[in-house]
N, C-alpha and C. Protein backbone atom coordinates (compact mmCIF):
# COMPACT_ATOMS: atom_id res chain seq x y z
N MET A 1 4.65 -3.44 20.51
CA MET A 1 5.82 -4.14 19.86
C MET A 1 5.16 -5.28 19.09
N LEU A 2 4.42 -6.18 19.84
CA LEU A 2 3.90 -7.28 19.27
C LEU A 2 2.88 -7.17 18.18
N ALA A 3 2.13 -5.99 18.52
CA ALA A 3 1.16 -5.67 17.38
C ALA A 3 1.68 -5.44 16.15
N ILE A 4 2.95 -4.60 16.15
CA ILE A 4 3.55 -4.21 14.91
C ILE A 4 4.07 -5.45 14.29
N PHE A 5 4.56 -6.52 15.01
CA PHE A 5 5.11 -7.68 14.35
C PHE A 5 3.79 -8.43 13.70
N THR A 6 2.72 -8.36 14.38
CA THR A 6 1.52 -9.02 13.83
C THR A 6 1.10 -8.53 12.40
N VAL A 7 1.17 -7.28 12.22
CA VAL A 7 0.73 -6.82 11.08
C VAL A 7 1.84 -6.34 9.96
N MET A 8 3.14 -6.54 10.33
CA MET A 8 4.15 -6.16 9.41
C MET A 8 4.34 -7.19 8.54
N LEU A 9 4.60 -6.80 7.37
CA LEU A 9 4.70 -7.72 6.10
C LEU A 9 6.37 -7.87 5.80
N GLY A 10 6.83 -8.89 5.48
CA GLY A 10 8.28 -9.11 5.17
C GLY A 10 9.32 -8.99 6.32
N ILE A 11 8.92 -9.62 7.39
CA ILE A 11 9.89 -9.68 8.61
C ILE A 11 11.01 -10.39 8.16
N GLY A 12 12.22 -9.98 8.42
CA GLY A 12 13.49 -10.57 8.31
C GLY A 12 14.07 -10.99 9.32
N ILE A 13 15.28 -11.72 9.31
CA ILE A 13 15.97 -12.25 10.37
C ILE A 13 16.52 -11.29 11.19
N GLN A 14 16.79 -10.04 10.70
CA GLN A 14 17.37 -9.10 11.56
C GLN A 14 16.25 -8.61 12.61
N TRP A 15 15.19 -8.72 12.27
CA TRP A 15 13.95 -8.27 13.28
C TRP A 15 13.73 -9.28 14.36
N LEU A 16 14.36 -10.42 14.36
CA LEU A 16 13.97 -11.52 15.37
C LEU A 16 14.35 -11.20 16.76
N ILE A 17 15.31 -10.52 16.93
CA ILE A 17 15.72 -10.03 18.20
C ILE A 17 14.99 -9.06 19.10
N TRP A 18 14.22 -8.36 18.56
CA TRP A 18 13.33 -7.22 19.14
C TRP A 18 12.37 -7.87 20.15
N PRO A 19 11.59 -8.85 19.89
CA PRO A 19 10.64 -9.16 21.00
C PRO A 19 11.17 -9.95 22.26
N LEU A 20 12.51 -10.31 22.09
CA LEU A 20 13.24 -11.02 23.23
C LEU A 20 13.30 -10.08 24.40
N ALA A 21 13.92 -8.76 24.21
CA ALA A 21 14.11 -8.03 25.22
C ALA A 21 12.79 -7.66 26.03
N PHE A 22 11.76 -7.35 25.12
CA PHE A 22 10.45 -7.07 25.82
C PHE A 22 9.87 -8.39 26.46
N ALA A 23 10.07 -9.33 25.96
CA ALA A 23 9.67 -10.76 26.58
C ALA A 23 10.30 -10.95 28.01
N ILE A 24 11.67 -10.59 28.15
CA ILE A 24 12.25 -10.84 29.30
C ILE A 24 11.97 -9.81 30.26
N VAL A 25 11.74 -8.55 29.83
CA VAL A 25 11.33 -7.45 30.76
C VAL A 25 9.87 -7.89 31.32
N ALA A 26 8.90 -8.43 30.46
CA ALA A 26 7.75 -8.55 30.83
C ALA A 26 7.46 -9.93 31.50
N ARG A 27 8.54 -10.69 31.66
CA ARG A 27 8.56 -12.05 32.25
C ARG A 27 7.61 -12.86 31.72
N GLU A 28 7.69 -12.96 30.38
CA GLU A 28 6.91 -13.93 29.53
C GLU A 28 7.66 -15.13 29.10
N GLU A 29 7.95 -16.09 30.03
CA GLU A 29 8.99 -17.20 29.68
C GLU A 29 8.21 -18.06 28.87
N ARG A 30 6.90 -18.29 29.01
CA ARG A 30 6.21 -19.37 28.09
C ARG A 30 6.36 -18.89 26.67
N TRP A 31 6.03 -17.69 26.36
CA TRP A 31 6.03 -17.01 25.13
C TRP A 31 7.49 -16.88 24.44
N LEU A 32 8.29 -16.63 25.24
CA LEU A 32 9.73 -16.32 25.02
C LEU A 32 10.26 -17.83 24.47
N LYS A 33 9.85 -18.82 25.28
CA LYS A 33 10.38 -20.21 24.81
C LYS A 33 9.84 -20.48 23.49
N TRP A 34 8.56 -20.44 23.20
CA TRP A 34 7.98 -20.72 21.89
C TRP A 34 8.41 -19.77 20.66
N TYR A 35 8.56 -18.50 21.02
CA TYR A 35 9.13 -17.47 20.06
C TYR A 35 10.62 -17.97 19.71
N THR A 36 11.34 -18.33 20.67
CA THR A 36 12.72 -18.64 20.47
C THR A 36 12.86 -19.87 19.56
N ILE A 37 12.10 -20.96 19.88
CA ILE A 37 12.02 -22.01 19.07
C ILE A 37 11.68 -21.84 17.57
N THR A 38 10.51 -21.09 17.60
CA THR A 38 10.07 -20.75 16.01
C THR A 38 10.95 -19.87 15.43
N GLY A 39 11.53 -18.93 16.10
CA GLY A 39 12.38 -17.82 15.43
C GLY A 39 13.62 -18.46 14.93
N THR A 40 14.16 -19.48 15.94
CA THR A 40 15.46 -20.21 15.50
C THR A 40 15.17 -21.11 14.23
N LEU A 41 13.94 -21.68 14.15
CA LEU A 41 13.69 -22.30 12.76
C LEU A 41 13.71 -21.45 11.63
N MET A 42 13.05 -20.37 11.75
CA MET A 42 13.00 -19.45 10.75
C MET A 42 14.46 -18.90 10.25
N MET A 43 15.26 -18.59 11.28
CA MET A 43 16.58 -18.21 11.16
C MET A 43 17.53 -19.34 10.45
N PHE A 44 17.22 -20.42 10.78
CA PHE A 44 17.99 -21.60 10.33
C PHE A 44 17.60 -21.77 8.77
N VAL A 45 16.41 -21.72 8.36
CA VAL A 45 15.92 -22.00 7.01
C VAL A 45 16.38 -20.71 6.15
N HIS A 46 16.24 -19.55 6.62
CA HIS A 46 16.74 -18.21 6.03
C HIS A 46 18.36 -18.23 5.87
N LEU A 47 19.09 -18.51 6.83
CA LEU A 47 20.58 -18.59 6.83
C LEU A 47 21.10 -19.69 6.07
N TYR A 48 20.65 -20.99 6.29
CA TYR A 48 21.16 -22.06 5.49
C TYR A 48 20.36 -22.29 4.30
N GLY A 49 19.16 -21.72 3.87
CA GLY A 49 18.59 -22.06 2.77
C GLY A 49 18.62 -20.81 1.74
N LEU A 50 19.09 -19.78 2.13
CA LEU A 50 19.24 -18.64 1.33
C LEU A 50 20.41 -17.87 1.33
N HIS A 51 21.00 -17.38 2.56
CA HIS A 51 22.21 -16.57 2.65
C HIS A 51 23.46 -17.30 2.70
N LEU A 52 23.89 -18.26 3.59
CA LEU A 52 25.17 -18.74 3.78
C LEU A 52 25.26 -19.91 2.80
N TYR A 53 24.35 -20.79 2.79
CA TYR A 53 24.42 -21.97 1.82
C TYR A 53 23.23 -22.04 1.09
N PRO A 54 23.12 -21.62 -0.08
CA PRO A 54 21.62 -21.52 -0.65
C PRO A 54 21.18 -22.87 -1.42
N TRP A 55 21.02 -23.84 -0.37
CA TRP A 55 20.36 -25.13 -0.79
C TRP A 55 19.08 -25.15 -1.52
N ALA A 56 18.19 -24.34 -0.98
CA ALA A 56 16.84 -24.23 -1.40
C ALA A 56 16.67 -23.89 -2.85
N ASN A 57 17.46 -23.09 -3.49
CA ASN A 57 17.58 -22.62 -4.82
C ASN A 57 18.24 -23.89 -5.68
N GLN A 58 19.14 -24.62 -5.03
CA GLN A 58 19.82 -25.63 -5.68
C GLN A 58 18.93 -26.90 -5.80
N LEU A 59 18.20 -27.27 -4.90
CA LEU A 59 17.19 -28.29 -4.81
C LEU A 59 15.92 -28.20 -5.34
N PHE A 60 15.41 -26.99 -5.36
CA PHE A 60 13.93 -26.76 -5.72
C PHE A 60 13.97 -25.75 -6.92
N GLU A 61 12.79 -25.72 -7.54
CA GLU A 61 12.64 -24.58 -8.56
C GLU A 61 12.40 -23.36 -7.82
N PRO A 62 12.77 -22.26 -8.27
CA PRO A 62 12.74 -20.97 -7.65
C PRO A 62 11.46 -20.64 -6.89
N GLN A 63 10.27 -21.05 -7.71
CA GLN A 63 9.06 -20.72 -7.00
C GLN A 63 8.90 -21.54 -5.67
N ILE A 64 9.33 -22.70 -5.75
CA ILE A 64 9.16 -23.62 -4.61
C ILE A 64 10.15 -23.27 -3.66
N ALA A 65 11.42 -22.95 -3.90
CA ALA A 65 12.35 -22.42 -2.89
C ALA A 65 11.95 -21.14 -2.35
N THR A 66 11.21 -20.28 -2.97
CA THR A 66 10.82 -18.97 -2.35
C THR A 66 9.69 -19.32 -1.51
N ALA A 67 8.76 -20.14 -1.77
CA ALA A 67 7.75 -20.46 -0.82
C ALA A 67 8.22 -21.19 0.42
N ILE A 68 9.31 -22.06 0.43
CA ILE A 68 9.73 -22.54 1.58
C ILE A 68 10.52 -21.58 2.44
N ILE A 69 11.18 -20.63 1.80
CA ILE A 69 11.93 -19.48 2.71
C ILE A 69 10.67 -18.59 3.21
N ARG A 70 9.82 -18.24 2.52
CA ARG A 70 8.75 -17.40 3.27
C ARG A 70 7.82 -18.17 4.23
N SER A 71 7.63 -19.27 3.88
CA SER A 71 6.69 -20.11 4.90
C SER A 71 7.49 -20.39 6.04
N SER A 72 8.74 -20.32 6.14
CA SER A 72 9.49 -20.58 7.40
C SER A 72 9.24 -19.56 8.32
N ALA A 73 8.74 -18.29 8.04
CA ALA A 73 8.35 -17.23 8.92
C ALA A 73 7.04 -17.51 9.59
N LEU A 74 6.15 -18.45 9.03
CA LEU A 74 4.72 -18.48 9.46
C LEU A 74 4.67 -19.05 10.98
N PRO A 75 5.64 -20.04 11.57
CA PRO A 75 5.40 -20.41 12.96
C PRO A 75 5.70 -19.38 14.00
N ALA A 76 6.83 -18.55 13.56
CA ALA A 76 7.19 -17.46 14.58
C ALA A 76 6.04 -16.43 14.39
N TRP A 77 5.51 -16.09 13.35
CA TRP A 77 4.39 -15.19 13.08
C TRP A 77 3.13 -15.58 13.89
N ILE A 78 2.89 -16.87 13.79
CA ILE A 78 1.67 -17.49 14.61
C ILE A 78 1.95 -17.28 16.07
N VAL A 79 3.13 -17.50 16.55
CA VAL A 79 3.36 -17.40 17.98
C VAL A 79 3.20 -15.97 18.28
N VAL A 80 3.71 -15.04 17.54
CA VAL A 80 3.49 -13.45 17.88
C VAL A 80 1.94 -13.16 17.85
N LEU A 81 1.36 -13.84 16.84
CA LEU A 81 -0.16 -13.45 16.85
C LEU A 81 -0.84 -13.83 18.10
N LEU A 82 -0.59 -15.14 18.45
CA LEU A 82 -1.25 -15.74 19.61
C LEU A 82 -0.77 -14.97 20.93
N TRP A 83 0.40 -14.59 20.88
CA TRP A 83 1.09 -13.92 22.13
C TRP A 83 0.39 -12.49 22.12
N THR A 84 0.29 -11.76 21.19
CA THR A 84 -0.49 -10.41 21.09
C THR A 84 -1.82 -10.55 21.53
N PHE A 85 -2.65 -11.67 20.93
CA PHE A 85 -3.99 -11.74 21.53
C PHE A 85 -4.21 -11.99 22.88
N ARG A 86 -3.24 -12.94 23.49
CA ARG A 86 -3.28 -13.12 24.84
C ARG A 86 -3.02 -12.15 25.74
N ARG A 87 -2.11 -11.11 25.33
CA ARG A 87 -1.68 -10.04 26.23
C ARG A 87 -2.75 -8.95 26.22
N LEU A 88 -3.46 -8.95 24.94
CA LEU A 88 -4.59 -7.91 24.95
C LEU A 88 -5.77 -8.36 25.67
N GLN A 89 -5.92 -9.73 25.61
CA GLN A 89 -7.08 -10.23 26.41
C GLN A 89 -6.86 -10.06 27.74
N ARG A 90 -5.68 -10.36 28.25
CA ARG A 90 -5.41 -10.27 29.69
C ARG A 90 -5.51 -8.94 30.11
N ALA A 91 -4.94 -7.93 29.32
CA ALA A 91 -5.25 -6.52 29.74
C ALA A 91 -6.52 -6.04 29.75
N ARG A 92 -7.47 -6.57 28.87
CA ARG A 92 -8.86 -6.02 28.74
C ARG A 92 -9.72 -6.69 29.81
N LEU A 93 -9.78 -8.17 29.69
CA LEU A 93 -10.68 -9.01 30.55
C LEU A 93 -10.18 -8.99 31.92
N ASP A 94 -9.03 -9.02 32.25
CA ASP A 94 -8.72 -9.36 33.69
C ASP A 94 -8.19 -8.12 34.34
N ASP A 95 -8.22 -6.95 33.52
CA ASP A 95 -7.57 -5.66 34.00
C ASP A 95 -6.33 -5.89 34.68
N GLN A 96 -5.38 -6.51 34.17
CA GLN A 96 -4.04 -6.72 34.64
C GLN A 96 -3.17 -5.97 33.94
N PRO A 97 -2.01 -5.55 34.53
CA PRO A 97 -0.94 -4.78 33.72
C PRO A 97 -0.36 -5.56 32.69
N LEU A 98 0.13 -5.04 31.60
CA LEU A 98 0.85 -5.71 30.51
C LEU A 98 2.09 -6.13 30.81
N VAL A 99 2.87 -5.51 31.81
CA VAL A 99 4.04 -5.80 32.39
C VAL A 99 4.02 -6.35 33.79
N ASN A 100 4.46 -7.60 34.03
CA ASN A 100 4.41 -8.29 35.46
C ASN A 100 5.57 -7.53 36.26
N SER A 101 5.33 -6.76 37.11
CA SER A 101 6.29 -6.13 37.93
C SER A 101 6.49 -7.07 39.14
N PRO A 102 7.84 -7.15 39.63
CA PRO A 102 8.07 -7.93 40.82
C PRO A 102 7.37 -7.44 41.92
N THR A 103 7.02 -8.11 42.98
CA THR A 103 6.33 -7.79 44.14
C THR A 103 7.41 -7.77 45.25
N PRO A 104 7.65 -6.68 46.10
CA PRO A 104 8.60 -6.49 47.03
C PRO A 104 8.37 -7.48 48.08
N ALA A 105 9.27 -8.00 48.89
CA ALA A 105 9.14 -8.89 49.87
C ALA A 105 8.27 -8.36 50.97
N ALA A 106 8.38 -6.99 51.27
CA ALA A 106 7.48 -6.40 52.25
C ALA A 106 6.06 -6.38 51.97
N GLU A 107 5.67 -6.35 50.68
CA GLU A 107 4.28 -6.30 50.37
C GLU A 107 3.83 -7.77 50.46
N LYS A 108 4.58 -8.87 50.28
CA LYS A 108 4.23 -10.15 50.49
C LYS A 108 3.71 -10.51 51.59
N SER A 109 4.45 -10.18 52.68
CA SER A 109 4.20 -10.55 54.07
C SER A 109 3.17 -9.67 54.67
N GLY A 110 2.94 -8.64 54.16
CA GLY A 110 2.00 -7.73 54.98
C GLY A 110 0.81 -7.44 54.23
């Protein structure tokens, strides 16, 4: 899923929710936090700069407003890119599973 987000062009705000479920299942709290922060920034700029109250088009020329809206996706994309590389690196180099499974209490003690 992360690899798809890494190479996909034109990510919209409706796609922001998809990685959250996978991050929760994989117990990726660190990446979930950063993705949530950057995704919220992107959603805020898109919703309040383009959809709900189009201030970007009122304050700036159309080319600059478009650049602001499009560049608001970069922080979330960078987080997804780094997250993808880290997961692939962990899977390849450390030979760890991509999903962190909980360890039963019986296995911990014995």
